[in-house]
Amino acid sequence: MGNTNIYKQSPYDRELATVLQQMSPGGKPFPLTLETIPMMRRNFATMSLSDDQLQRGGQIDIKLRKVPGPQGAPEISLLICRPSASQTTKSGSLLPCIYYMHGGGMISGDNRFIEYRLAPEHPHPAPSEDCYAGLLWTAEHAQDLGIDLTQISVAGVSAGGGLAAATALMARDRHGPKLQGQLLVCPMLDDRDQTLSTLQYADIGTWNRQSNQVGWTALLGKKKGTQGVSPYAAPSRAQDLSNLPPAFIDVSSTEIFRDEDIDYAQRIWQTGGVAELHVWPGGFHAFTVIEPNSKLSQHAIAASANWYRRLLAFTSK
């Protein structure tokens, strides 16, 4: 007989379980299909931070720039956020840069902080090529932007985490900017959607298996789950994870991306690379974004901030 317990679900953190229940009775996400993507985009837009929120009472200066996209493609927009003059200790000093890609399942989200083209209107390779083009522009204009070229890291949450991982692979393979690190928060990495965790949490959480399949289908169409999918679309497809910048990878124990994210960290270690992995018990997908004030979120946010501080301290020596 088979193991009847194989798909049992571990419980959510109590505080986050209450939040999830308030968001959606029964803990089930918005029923995403290709037809309901426009509605998801409208819902996602309501969560976007305003300029006032980003400026934090004058602590941050923000500027929107239109920069060249990939060859033959439209321009992309970058939102450049920098500590205001009153917050910098040295006038004209070069600062580290976090090049951040937004989440949204490859199908929604806006230019907080790079506006890549979205699937299904713009399938692979449009999103990852846009992200890489924006990175190239940022590196080429580092001096003008006040950025220390040796301290550029990529980062993202969910689909943005997957795009950050893809951008790191592209930078390595194309001999592009040498990245300092990659901060991958619950990254969306594997289009094959066959891990145990994706079966365990197939019908619950903020991003379930159906939503995941819709996102990957929008990006890849009929190629989803087949051989030959590019690692620049689904980084888990990469055969070689060596010579990548140090990675911070975190994920919840109770979400579909758990196993693919753990596997990605393990495969970096197996090549002799550097990765810090956190598996947070009982969190739903993107819990630090949706409920940043929960105790578990505060621990997770502090862990990523501490990793980044150590990264800066180590590489500045």
C-alpha atoms as a PDB file:
ATOM      1  CA  MET A   1       0.000   0.000   0.000  1.00  0.00           C
ATOM      2  CA  GLY A   2       1.127   3.561  -0.660  1.00  0.00           C
ATOM      3  CA  ASN A   3       1.807   6.066   2.056  1.00  0.00           C
ATOM      4  CA  THR A   4      -1.570   7.713   2.706  1.00  0.00           C
ATOM      5  CA  ASN A   5       0.122  10.513   4.705  1.00  0.00           C
ATOM      6  CA  ILE A   6       2.402  11.654   1.898  1.00  0.00           C
ATOM      7  CA  TYR A   7       0.343  14.756   1.051  1.00  0.00           C
ATOM      8  CA  LYS A   8      -0.589  15.806   4.582  1.00  0.00           C
ATOM      9  CA  GLN A   9      -0.122  19.516   5.261  1.00  0.00           C
ATOM     10  CA  SER A  10       1.883  20.924   8.147  1.00  0.00           C
ATOM     11  CA  PRO A  11       0.069  23.668  10.097  1.00  0.00           C
ATOM     12  CA  TYR A  12       0.555  27.349   9.444  1.00  0.00           C
ATOM     13  CA  ASP A  13       2.064  29.646  12.043  1.00  0.00           C
ATOM     14  CA  ARG A  14      -0.868  30.670  14.269  1.00  0.00           C
ATOM     15  CA  GLU A  15      -0.506  34.383  13.674  1.00  0.00           C
ATOM     16  CA  LEU A  16      -0.216  33.949   9.913  1.00  0.00           C
ATOM     17  CA  ALA A  17      -3.046  31.412   9.808  1.00  0.00           C
ATOM     18  CA  THR A  18      -5.358  34.103  11.160  1.00  0.00           C
ATOM     19  CA  VAL A  19      -4.171  36.525   8.480  1.00  0.00           C
ATOM     20  CA  LEU A  20      -4.695  33.943   5.763  1.00  0.00           C
ATOM     21  CA  GLN A  21      -8.203  33.183   6.965  1.00  0.00           C
ATOM     22  CA  GLN A  22      -9.058  36.887   6.936  1.00  0.00           C
ATOM     23  CA  MET A  23      -7.736  37.200   3.399  1.00  0.00           C
ATOM     24  CA  SER A  24      -9.639  34.218   2.067  1.00  0.00           C
ATOM     25  CA  PRO A  25     -12.056  31.935   3.944  1.00  0.00           C
ATOM     26  CA  GLY A  26     -10.685  28.411   3.953  1.00  0.00           C
ATOM     27  CA  GLY A  27      -7.204  29.693   3.120  1.00  0.00           C
ATOM     28  CA  LYS A  28      -7.774  29.252  -0.614  1.00  0.00           C
ATOM     29  CA  PRO A  29      -6.289  31.790  -3.026  1.00  0.00           C
ATOM     30  CA  PHE A  30      -7.938  33.837  -5.734  1.00  0.00           C
ATOM     31  CA  PRO A  31      -9.032  31.336  -8.465  1.00  0.00           C
ATOM     32  CA  LEU A  32      -6.459  32.234 -11.104  1.00  0.00           C
ATOM     33  CA  THR A  33      -6.900  31.262 -14.751  1.00  0.00           C
ATOM     34  CA  LEU A  34      -5.593  32.775 -17.958  1.00  0.00           C
ATOM     35  CA  GLU A  35      -8.950  34.544 -18.243  1.00  0.00           C
ATOM     36  CA  THR A  36      -8.778  36.088 -14.758  1.00  0.00           C
ATOM     37  CA  ILE A  37      -5.246  37.510 -15.145  1.00  0.00           C
ATOM     38  CA  PRO A  38      -6.617  41.068 -15.721  1.00  0.00           C
ATOM     39  CA  MET A  39      -8.491  40.872 -12.411  1.00  0.00           C
ATOM     40  CA  MET A  40      -5.360  39.612 -10.641  1.00  0.00           C
ATOM     41  CA  ARG A  41      -3.427  42.558 -12.063  1.00  0.00           C
ATOM     42  CA  ARG A  42      -5.986  44.999 -10.700  1.00  0.00           C
ATOM     43  CA  ASN A  43      -5.836  43.334  -7.283  1.00  0.00           C
ATOM     44  CA  PHE A  44      -2.032  43.352  -7.354  1.00  0.00           C
ATOM     45  CA  ALA A  45      -1.976  47.048  -8.236  1.00  0.00           C
ATOM     46  CA  THR A  46      -3.803  47.895  -5.009  1.00  0.00           C
ATOM     47  CA  MET A  47      -0.802  46.573  -3.039  1.00  0.00           C
ATOM     48  CA  SER A  48       1.755  48.694  -4.881  1.00  0.00           C
ATOM     49  CA  LEU A  49       3.632  51.191  -2.718  1.00  0.00           C
ATOM     50  CA  SER A  50       2.993  54.858  -3.393  1.00  0.00           C
ATOM     51  CA  ASP A  51       5.784  57.359  -3.982  1.00  0.00           C
ATOM     52  CA  ASP A  52       5.126  58.821  -0.528  1.00  0.00           C
ATOM     53  CA  GLN A  53       5.552  55.403   1.082  1.00  0.00           C
ATOM     54  CA  LEU A  54       8.790  54.812  -0.787  1.00  0.00           C
ATOM     55  CA  GLN A  55      10.152  58.241   0.142  1.00  0.00           C
ATOM     56  CA  ARG A  56       9.727  57.499   3.866  1.00  0.00           C
ATOM     57  CA  GLY A  57       9.223  61.060   4.942  1.00  0.00           C
ATOM     58  CA  GLY A  58      12.025  62.446   2.819  1.00  0.00           C
ATOM     59  CA  GLN A  59      14.627  59.817   3.681  1.00  0.00           C
ATOM     60  CA  ILE A  60      14.626  58.382   0.151  1.00  0.00           C
ATOM     61  CA  ASP A  61      14.879  60.181  -3.188  1.00  0.00           C
ATOM     62  CA  ILE A  62      13.133  58.404  -6.063  1.00  0.00           C
ATOM     63  CA  LYS A  63      13.458  58.911  -9.786  1.00  0.00           C
ATOM     64  CA  LEU A  64      11.840  57.070 -12.679  1.00  0.00           C
ATOM     65  CA  ARG A  65      14.104  56.459 -15.675  1.00  0.00           C
ATOM     66  CA  LYS A  66      13.300  55.027 -19.086  1.00  0.00           C
ATOM     67  CA  VAL A  67      16.284  53.013 -20.301  1.00  0.00           C
ATOM     68  CA  PRO A  68      16.998  50.915 -23.387  1.00  0.00           C
ATOM     69  CA  GLY A  69      15.487  47.448 -23.365  1.00  0.00           C
ATOM     70  CA  PRO A  70      16.838  44.409 -25.214  1.00  0.00           C
ATOM     71  CA  GLN A  71      17.776  44.931 -28.853  1.00  0.00           C
ATOM     72  CA  GLY A  72      14.632  45.556 -30.899  1.00  0.00           C
ATOM     73  CA  ALA A  73      12.397  45.720 -27.805  1.00  0.00           C
ATOM     74  CA  PRO A  74      10.716  48.680 -26.073  1.00  0.00           C
ATOM     75  CA  GLU A  75      12.331  50.722 -23.340  1.00  0.00           C
ATOM     76  CA  ILE A  76      11.986  49.560 -19.764  1.00  0.00           C
ATOM     77  CA  SER A  77      11.410  51.714 -16.699  1.00  0.00           C
ATOM     78  CA  LEU A  78      13.616  51.637 -13.632  1.00  0.00           C
ATOM     79  CA  LEU A  79      12.633  53.245 -10.349  1.00  0.00           C
ATOM     80  CA  ILE A  80      15.853  54.488  -8.793  1.00  0.00           C
ATOM     81  CA  CYS A  81      15.677  54.825  -5.011  1.00  0.00           C
ATOM     82  CA  ARG A  82      18.588  56.406  -3.198  1.00  0.00           C
ATOM     83  CA  PRO A  83      19.088  57.759   0.333  1.00  0.00           C
ATOM     84  CA  SER A  84      18.494  61.498   0.340  1.00  0.00           C
ATOM     85  CA  ALA A  85      21.423  63.852   0.815  1.00  0.00           C
ATOM     86  CA  SER A  86      20.454  64.232   4.477  1.00  0.00           C
ATOM     87  CA  GLN A  87      20.868  60.471   4.978  1.00  0.00           C
ATOM     88  CA  THR A  88      24.286  60.001   3.383  1.00  0.00           C
ATOM     89  CA  THR A  89      27.347  60.374   5.580  1.00  0.00           C
ATOM     90  CA  LYS A  90      29.737  61.413   2.810  1.00  0.00           C
ATOM     91  CA  SER A  91      28.824  63.759  -0.009  1.00  0.00           C
ATOM     92  CA  GLY A  92      29.269  62.043  -3.370  1.00  0.00           C
ATOM     93  CA  SER A  93      30.134  58.671  -1.853  1.00  0.00           C
ATOM     94  CA  LEU A  94      29.424  55.552  -3.917  1.00  0.00           C
ATOM     95  CA  LEU A  95      26.804  53.245  -2.453  1.00  0.00           C
ATOM     96  CA  PRO A  96      25.943  49.554  -2.808  1.00  0.00           C
ATOM     97  CA  CYS A  97      23.055  48.723  -5.141  1.00  0.00           C
ATOM     98  CA  ILE A  98      20.232  46.202  -4.818  1.00  0.00           C
ATOM     99  CA  TYR A  99      18.780  45.632  -8.279  1.00  0.00           C
ATOM    100  CA  TYR A 100      15.261  44.462  -7.433  1.00  0.00           C
ATOM    101  CA  MET A 101      12.743  42.614  -9.631  1.00  0.00           C
ATOM    102  CA  HIS A 102       9.080  42.598  -8.640  1.00  0.00           C
ATOM    103  CA  GLY A 103       6.970  39.497  -8.120  1.00  0.00           C
ATOM    104  CA  GLY A 104       3.570  38.641  -9.557  1.00  0.00           C
ATOM    105  CA  GLY A 105       3.820  35.161 -11.047  1.00  0.00           C
ATOM    106  CA  MET A 106       5.367  36.477 -14.296  1.00  0.00           C
ATOM    107  CA  ILE A 107       1.915  37.859 -15.162  1.00  0.00           C
ATOM    108  CA  SER A 108       1.369  40.922 -12.950  1.00  0.00           C
ATOM    109  CA  GLY A 109       3.187  43.677 -11.065  1.00  0.00           C
ATOM    110  CA  ASP A 110       4.651  47.065 -11.921  1.00  0.00           C
ATOM    111  CA  ASN A 111       7.861  49.056 -11.943  1.00  0.00           C
ATOM    112  CA  ARG A 112       8.471  48.832  -8.208  1.00  0.00           C
ATOM    113  CA  PHE A 113      11.410  48.563  -9.122  1.00  0.00           C
ATOM    114  CA  ILE A 114      11.987  47.263 -12.689  1.00  0.00           C
ATOM    115  CA  GLU A 115       9.079  47.077 -15.086  1.00  0.00           C
ATOM    116  CA  TYR A 116       9.704  44.025 -17.241  1.00  0.00           C
ATOM    117  CA  ARG A 117       7.208  42.948 -19.886  1.00  0.00           C
ATOM    118  CA  LEU A 118       4.578  40.526 -18.570  1.00  0.00           C
ATOM    119  CA  ALA A 119       3.326  37.184 -19.839  1.00  0.00           C
ATOM    120  CA  PRO A 120       1.195  35.996 -21.567  1.00  0.00           C
ATOM    121  CA  GLU A 121       1.324  39.064 -23.832  1.00  0.00           C
ATOM    122  CA  HIS A 122       5.116  38.858 -23.671  1.00  0.00           C
ATOM    123  CA  PRO A 123       6.268  35.271 -23.044  1.00  0.00           C
ATOM    124  CA  HIS A 124       9.828  34.107 -22.443  1.00  0.00           C
ATOM    125  CA  PRO A 125      12.402  35.453 -23.122  1.00  0.00           C
ATOM    126  CA  ALA A 126      10.909  38.950 -22.735  1.00  0.00           C
ATOM    127  CA  PRO A 127      10.785  39.187 -18.893  1.00  0.00           C
ATOM    128  CA  SER A 128      14.300  37.870 -18.229  1.00  0.00           C
ATOM    129  CA  GLU A 129      15.845  39.761 -21.145  1.00  0.00           C
ATOM    130  CA  ASP A 130      14.275  42.988 -19.880  1.00  0.00           C
ATOM    131  CA  CYS A 131      15.709  42.377 -16.421  1.00  0.00           C
ATOM    132  CA  TYR A 132      19.156  41.689 -17.824  1.00  0.00           C
ATOM    133  CA  ALA A 133      19.036  44.776 -20.062  1.00  0.00           C
ATOM    134  CA  GLY A 134      18.189  46.911 -17.044  1.00  0.00           C
ATOM    135  CA  LEU A 135      21.109  45.403 -15.123  1.00  0.00           C
ATOM    136  CA  LEU A 136      23.492  46.194 -17.985  1.00  0.00           C
ATOM    137  CA  TRP A 137      22.304  49.803 -18.077  1.00  0.00           C
ATOM    138  CA  THR A 138      22.670  50.116 -14.304  1.00  0.00           C
ATOM    139  CA  ALA A 139      26.226  48.769 -14.381  1.00  0.00           C
ATOM    140  CA  GLU A 140      27.203  50.956 -17.339  1.00  0.00           C
ATOM    141  CA  HIS A 141      25.903  54.066 -15.552  1.00  0.00           C
ATOM    142  CA  ALA A 142      27.047  53.113 -12.058  1.00  0.00           C
ATOM    143  CA  GLN A 143      29.324  56.138 -11.639  1.00  0.00           C
ATOM    144  CA  ASP A 144      26.606  58.589 -12.667  1.00  0.00           C
ATOM    145  CA  LEU A 145      24.122  56.878 -10.353  1.00  0.00           C
ATOM    146  CA  GLY A 146      26.506  56.962  -7.405  1.00  0.00           C
ATOM    147  CA  ILE A 147      26.773  53.157  -7.323  1.00  0.00           C
ATOM    148  CA  ASP A 148      29.813  51.145  -6.360  1.00  0.00           C
ATOM    149  CA  LEU A 149      30.184  48.817  -9.353  1.00  0.00           C
ATOM    150  CA  THR A 150      31.723  46.115  -7.139  1.00  0.00           C
ATOM    151  CA  GLN A 151      28.656  46.059  -4.888  1.00  0.00           C
ATOM    152  CA  ILE A 152      25.678  45.309  -7.135  1.00  0.00           C
ATOM    153  CA  SER A 153      23.357  42.524  -5.980  1.00  0.00           C
ATOM    154  CA  VAL A 154      20.180  41.207  -7.576  1.00  0.00           C
ATOM    155  CA  ALA A 155      17.059  40.546  -5.528  1.00  0.00           C
ATOM    156  CA  GLY A 156      13.417  39.621  -5.870  1.00  0.00           C
ATOM    157  CA  VAL A 157      10.406  37.954  -4.295  1.00  0.00           C
ATOM    158  CA  SER A 158       8.520  35.028  -5.858  1.00  0.00           C
ATOM    159  CA  ALA A 159       8.606  35.481  -9.659  1.00  0.00           C
ATOM    160  CA  GLY A 160      11.019  38.336  -9.005  1.00  0.00           C
ATOM    161  CA  GLY A 161      13.237  35.911  -7.105  1.00  0.00           C
ATOM    162  CA  GLY A 162      13.181  33.579 -10.093  1.00  0.00           C
ATOM    163  CA  LEU A 163      14.080  36.461 -12.391  1.00  0.00           C
ATOM    164  CA  ALA A 164      16.881  37.515 -10.040  1.00  0.00           C
ATOM    165  CA  ALA A 165      18.293  33.971 -10.186  1.00  0.00           C
ATOM    166  CA  ALA A 166      17.938  33.990 -13.982  1.00  0.00           C
ATOM    167  CA  THR A 167      19.666  37.370 -14.201  1.00  0.00           C
ATOM    168  CA  ALA A 168      22.573  36.021 -12.148  1.00  0.00           C
ATOM    169  CA  LEU A 169      22.868  33.060 -14.532  1.00  0.00           C
ATOM    170  CA  MET A 170      22.777  35.381 -17.539  1.00  0.00           C
ATOM    171  CA  ALA A 171      25.440  37.667 -16.062  1.00  0.00           C
ATOM    172  CA  ARG A 172      27.695  34.656 -15.487  1.00  0.00           C
ATOM    173  CA  ASP A 173      27.137  33.056 -18.879  1.00  0.00           C
ATOM    174  CA  ARG A 174      27.363  36.278 -20.896  1.00  0.00           C
ATOM    175  CA  HIS A 175      30.353  37.637 -18.978  1.00  0.00           C
ATOM    176  CA  GLY A 176      28.252  40.554 -17.816  1.00  0.00           C
ATOM    177  CA  PRO A 177      28.466  42.560 -14.593  1.00  0.00           C
ATOM    178  CA  LYS A 178      30.133  40.718 -11.737  1.00  0.00           C
ATOM    179  CA  LEU A 179      27.429  40.521  -9.095  1.00  0.00           C
ATOM    180  CA  GLN A 180      28.075  40.762  -5.395  1.00  0.00           C
ATOM    181  CA  GLY A 181      25.141  38.596  -4.311  1.00  0.00           C
ATOM    182  CA  GLN A 182      21.663  37.304  -5.068  1.00  0.00           C
ATOM    183  CA  LEU A 183      18.800  37.676  -2.591  1.00  0.00           C
ATOM    184  CA  LEU A 184      16.074  35.190  -3.544  1.00  0.00           C
ATOM    185  CA  VAL A 185      12.931  35.353  -1.413  1.00  0.00           C
ATOM    186  CA  CYS A 186      10.565  32.387  -1.977  1.00  0.00           C
ATOM    187  CA  PRO A 187      11.754  32.287  -5.597  1.00  0.00           C
ATOM    188  CA  MET A 188       9.699  30.756  -8.427  1.00  0.00           C
ATOM    189  CA  LEU A 189      12.274  28.505 -10.084  1.00  0.00           C
ATOM    190  CA  ASP A 190      10.848  25.318 -11.606  1.00  0.00           C
ATOM    191  CA  ASP A 191       8.219  25.081 -14.353  1.00  0.00           C
ATOM    192  CA  ARG A 192       7.922  21.288 -13.993  1.00  0.00           C
ATOM    193  CA  ASP A 193       5.778  21.626 -10.865  1.00  0.00           C
ATOM    194  CA  GLN A 194       6.348  18.055  -9.683  1.00  0.00           C
ATOM    195  CA  THR A 195       7.859  18.337  -6.197  1.00  0.00           C
ATOM    196  CA  LEU A 196       6.246  16.936  -3.090  1.00  0.00           C
ATOM    197  CA  SER A 197       5.609  20.410  -1.669  1.00  0.00           C
ATOM    198  CA  THR A 198       3.672  21.498  -4.743  1.00  0.00           C
ATOM    199  CA  LEU A 199       1.403  18.486  -4.191  1.00  0.00           C
ATOM    200  CA  GLN A 200       1.126  19.053  -0.436  1.00  0.00           C
ATOM    201  CA  TYR A 201      -0.044  22.655  -0.842  1.00  0.00           C
ATOM    202  CA  ALA A 202      -1.822  22.253  -4.176  1.00  0.00           C
ATOM    203  CA  ASP A 203      -5.081  23.815  -3.027  1.00  0.00           C
ATOM    204  CA  ILE A 204      -4.210  26.203  -0.212  1.00  0.00           C
ATOM    205  CA  GLY A 205      -2.155  29.306   0.487  1.00  0.00           C
ATOM    206  CA  THR A 206      -1.658  32.593  -1.321  1.00  0.00           C
ATOM    207  CA  TRP A 207      -0.145  30.937  -4.435  1.00  0.00           C
ATOM    208  CA  ASN A 208      -1.247  27.361  -5.065  1.00  0.00           C
ATOM    209  CA  ARG A 209      -0.502  24.786  -7.723  1.00  0.00           C
ATOM    210  CA  GLN A 210      -3.200  26.011 -10.098  1.00  0.00           C
ATOM    211  CA  SER A 211      -1.890  29.577  -9.902  1.00  0.00           C
ATOM    212  CA  ASN A 212       1.630  28.313 -10.474  1.00  0.00           C
ATOM    213  CA  GLN A 213       0.611  26.357 -13.545  1.00  0.00           C
ATOM    214  CA  VAL A 214      -1.176  29.405 -14.954  1.00  0.00           C
ATOM    215  CA  GLY A 215       1.928  31.558 -14.421  1.00  0.00           C
ATOM    216  CA  TRP A 216       4.272  29.092 -16.083  1.00  0.00           C
ATOM    217  CA  THR A 217       1.855  28.411 -18.947  1.00  0.00           C
ATOM    218  CA  ALA A 218       1.552  32.140 -19.579  1.00  0.00           C
ATOM    219  CA  LEU A 219       5.349  32.403 -19.710  1.00  0.00           C
ATOM    220  CA  LEU A 220       6.174  29.234 -21.657  1.00  0.00           C
ATOM    221  CA  GLY A 221       3.001  28.105 -23.403  1.00  0.00           C
ATOM    222  CA  LYS A 222       3.135  24.507 -24.607  1.00  0.00           C
ATOM    223  CA  LYS A 223       6.844  24.290 -23.731  1.00  0.00           C
ATOM    224  CA  LYS A 224       6.015  24.293 -20.011  1.00  0.00           C
ATOM    225  CA  GLY A 225       7.305  21.115 -18.394  1.00  0.00           C
ATOM    226  CA  THR A 226       8.977  19.829 -21.566  1.00  0.00           C
ATOM    227  CA  GLN A 227      12.636  19.269 -22.257  1.00  0.00           C
ATOM    228  CA  GLY A 228      14.727  22.173 -23.394  1.00  0.00           C
ATOM    229  CA  VAL A 229      13.177  24.928 -21.259  1.00  0.00           C
ATOM    230  CA  SER A 230      15.797  27.638 -20.790  1.00  0.00           C
ATOM    231  CA  PRO A 231      17.299  28.172 -17.328  1.00  0.00           C
ATOM    232  CA  TYR A 232      16.815  31.885 -18.021  1.00  0.00           C
ATOM    233  CA  ALA A 233      13.072  31.139 -17.813  1.00  0.00           C
ATOM    234  CA  ALA A 234      13.196  28.504 -15.055  1.00  0.00           C
ATOM    235  CA  PRO A 235      16.527  28.626 -13.180  1.00  0.00           C
ATOM    236  CA  SER A 236      16.042  25.130 -11.738  1.00  0.00           C
ATOM    237  CA  ARG A 237      16.693  23.892 -15.287  1.00  0.00           C
ATOM    238  CA  ALA A 238      20.315  25.056 -15.096  1.00  0.00           C
ATOM    239  CA  GLN A 239      22.698  22.101 -15.248  1.00  0.00           C
ATOM    240  CA  ASP A 240      25.570  24.109 -13.765  1.00  0.00           C
ATOM    241  CA  LEU A 241      25.145  26.326 -10.695  1.00  0.00           C
ATOM    242  CA  SER A 242      28.855  26.980 -10.187  1.00  0.00           C
ATOM    243  CA  ASN A 243      30.540  30.378 -10.184  1.00  0.00           C
ATOM    244  CA  LEU A 244      27.450  32.244  -9.074  1.00  0.00           C
ATOM    245  CA  PRO A 245      27.433  35.113  -6.550  1.00  0.00           C
ATOM    246  CA  PRO A 246      26.655  34.204  -2.917  1.00  0.00           C
ATOM    247  CA  ALA A 247      22.961  33.499  -2.492  1.00  0.00           C
ATOM    248  CA  PHE A 248      20.431  34.068   0.241  1.00  0.00           C
ATOM    249  CA  ILE A 249      17.438  31.792  -0.314  1.00  0.00           C
ATOM    250  CA  ASP A 250      14.420  31.669   1.943  1.00  0.00           C
ATOM    251  CA  VAL A 251      11.071  29.950   1.676  1.00  0.00           C
ATOM    252  CA  SER A 252       8.254  28.730   3.898  1.00  0.00           C
ATOM    253  CA  SER A 253       7.944  25.126   4.988  1.00  0.00           C
ATOM    254  CA  THR A 254       4.258  25.325   4.072  1.00  0.00           C
ATOM    255  CA  GLU A 255       4.213  26.520   0.464  1.00  0.00           C
ATOM    256  CA  ILE A 256       4.605  24.953  -2.960  1.00  0.00           C
ATOM    257  CA  PHE A 257       8.068  26.423  -3.682  1.00  0.00           C
ATOM    258  CA  ARG A 258       9.691  24.804  -0.615  1.00  0.00           C
ATOM    259  CA  ASP A 259      11.304  21.808  -2.272  1.00  0.00           C
ATOM    260  CA  GLU A 260      12.518  23.498  -5.459  1.00  0.00           C
ATOM    261  CA  ASP A 261      14.130  26.276  -3.404  1.00  0.00           C
ATOM    262  CA  ILE A 262      15.827  23.820  -1.059  1.00  0.00           C
ATOM    263  CA  ASP A 263      17.081  21.892  -4.087  1.00  0.00           C
ATOM    264  CA  TYR A 264      18.500  25.067  -5.630  1.00  0.00           C
ATOM    265  CA  ALA A 265      20.498  25.853  -2.493  1.00  0.00           C
ATOM    266  CA  GLN A 266      21.758  22.270  -2.265  1.00  0.00           C
ATOM    267  CA  ARG A 267      22.924  22.310  -5.860  1.00  0.00           C
ATOM    268  CA  ILE A 268      24.821  25.558  -5.292  1.00  0.00           C
ATOM    269  CA  TRP A 269      26.580  23.937  -2.309  1.00  0.00           C
ATOM    270  CA  GLN A 270      27.374  20.850  -4.375  1.00  0.00           C
ATOM    271  CA  THR A 271      29.362  22.994  -6.824  1.00  0.00           C
ATOM    272  CA  GLY A 272      31.354  24.578  -4.003  1.00  0.00           C
ATOM    273  CA  GLY A 273      29.262  27.746  -4.111  1.00  0.00           C
ATOM    274  CA  VAL A 274      27.945  29.853  -1.231  1.00  0.00           C
ATOM    275  CA  ALA A 275      24.293  29.893  -0.217  1.00  0.00           C
ATOM    276  CA  GLU A 276      22.424  30.651   2.982  1.00  0.00           C
ATOM    277  CA  LEU A 277      19.099  28.834   3.198  1.00  0.00           C
ATOM    278  CA  HIS A 278      16.206  29.557   5.568  1.00  0.00           C
ATOM    279  CA  VAL A 279      13.039  27.462   5.672  1.00  0.00           C
ATOM    280  CA  TRP A 280      10.538  29.342   7.829  1.00  0.00           C
ATOM    281  CA  PRO A 281       8.052  27.103   9.647  1.00  0.00           C
ATOM    282  CA  GLY A 282       4.391  27.720   8.932  1.00  0.00           C
ATOM    283  CA  GLY A 283       4.559  30.717   6.612  1.00  0.00           C
ATOM    284  CA  PHE A 284       2.412  31.088   3.520  1.00  0.00           C
ATOM    285  CA  HIS A 285       3.940  32.195   0.229  1.00  0.00           C
ATOM    286  CA  ALA A 286       5.353  35.758   0.384  1.00  0.00           C
ATOM    287  CA  PHE A 287       4.297  36.164   4.028  1.00  0.00           C
ATOM    288  CA  THR A 288       6.960  38.808   4.671  1.00  0.00           C
ATOM    289  CA  VAL A 289       5.413  41.012   1.962  1.00  0.00           C
ATOM    290  CA  ILE A 290       1.773  40.378   2.806  1.00  0.00           C
ATOM    291  CA  GLU A 291       2.102  40.589   6.600  1.00  0.00           C
ATOM    292  CA  PRO A 292       5.497  42.147   7.406  1.00  0.00           C
ATOM    293  CA  ASN A 293       4.565  42.888  11.032  1.00  0.00           C
ATOM    294  CA  SER A 294       4.042  39.279  12.087  1.00  0.00           C
ATOM    295  CA  LYS A 295       6.672  37.849  14.413  1.00  0.00           C
ATOM    296  CA  LEU A 296       7.776  35.271  11.837  1.00  0.00           C
ATOM    297  CA  SER A 297       8.059  37.970   9.175  1.00  0.00           C
ATOM    298  CA  GLN A 298      10.192  40.126  11.458  1.00  0.00           C
ATOM    299  CA  HIS A 299      12.591  37.234  12.020  1.00  0.00           C
ATOM    300  CA  ALA A 300      12.756  36.499   8.287  1.00  0.00           C
ATOM    301  CA  ILE A 301      13.281  40.144   7.300  1.00  0.00           C
ATOM    302  CA  ALA A 302      16.009  40.507   9.930  1.00  0.00           C
ATOM    303  CA  ALA A 303      17.752  37.379   8.618  1.00  0.00           C
ATOM    304  CA  SER A 304      17.927  38.744   5.077  1.00  0.00           C
ATOM    305  CA  ALA A 305      19.123  42.149   6.303  1.00  0.00           C
ATOM    306  CA  ASN A 306      21.826  40.530   8.429  1.00  0.00           C
ATOM    307  CA  TRP A 307      22.960  38.415   5.476  1.00  0.00           C
ATOM    308  CA  TYR A 308      23.259  41.525   3.321  1.00  0.00           C
ATOM    309  CA  ARG A 309      25.223  43.404   5.979  1.00  0.00           C
ATOM    310  CA  ARG A 310      27.657  40.484   6.258  1.00  0.00           C
ATOM    311  CA  LEU A 311      27.947  40.355   2.476  1.00  0.00           C
ATOM    312  CA  LEU A 312      28.854  44.050   2.345  1.00  0.00           C
ATOM    313  CA  ALA A 313      31.301  43.743   5.202  1.00  0.00           C
ATOM    314  CA  PHE A 314      33.038  40.746   3.652  1.00  0.00           C
ATOM    315  CA  THR A 315      33.322  42.048   0.104  1.00  0.00           C
ATOM    316  CA  SER A 316      34.432  45.543   1.150  1.00  0.00           C
ATOM    317  CA  LYS A 317      37.549  44.234   2.836  1.00  0.00           C
END
